[in-house]
Amino acid sequence: MRLAVVSCLLVLTACDHAASSNAPAPPPIRSEFNAQTPEGEARAIIWHLRAEWSDCGLRMVASPAFQAIKDQFVGLKPFDRAATPLEARHIVYLVENHLRPCREIQLEIAGRTHPSLPPLFDAASTKWDALVARLVRQQITWAEYHRNNNAARMELNNQLEATRIALQLPSLNGLQ
């Protein structure tokens, strides 16, 4: 379940990055982390995971499958139509071959940030998986996918921010 959980969120993130003119840059290497202390080691691990997550997203966005459907994913073309069978195959390929490892990294970051965060990602991923399944089965249009996807992302971001405030966390380590 956890593996399936994070893949949808990476698509959301990757699409946000692909829509912007700048691809996400890996976080800088933080030489001031003192890996000799538990806190420094934990921070260094999270920075390393964030770099892996960024690289994973960049590989997905660079993949031929994503390039074939990026205009639909980021809403650059008129998209008030269902996904074509070829688009559906590209989506399934992306989920199975690119998003799972990226989700796993994102979930690891969430768990290392605070144990209350992975369940938020699990719930959001369940919604997103259902949304993608409906898109692949041609039960919704790209426009409906985008509306629901944006609403789910906003809901998750609001939950993450509320959790950050309630727990008085200084950051969410780039998860928003």
Foldseek 3Di string as FASTA:
>chain_A
DLLLLQLLVLLVVLLVQVLDPHQDAQDDQDPPQDCVDPVSVLVNVLSVLSNVLSVLSVVLCPDPLCVVCSCLSNVVDDWQFADDLSNLVSLVCSSVPRRSVSSVSLLVLQVSQDVVRSVLSNVLSVVSVVLSVCRSVRVGISVVSVVSSVVSVVVSVVVVVVVCVVVVRPDSSPSD
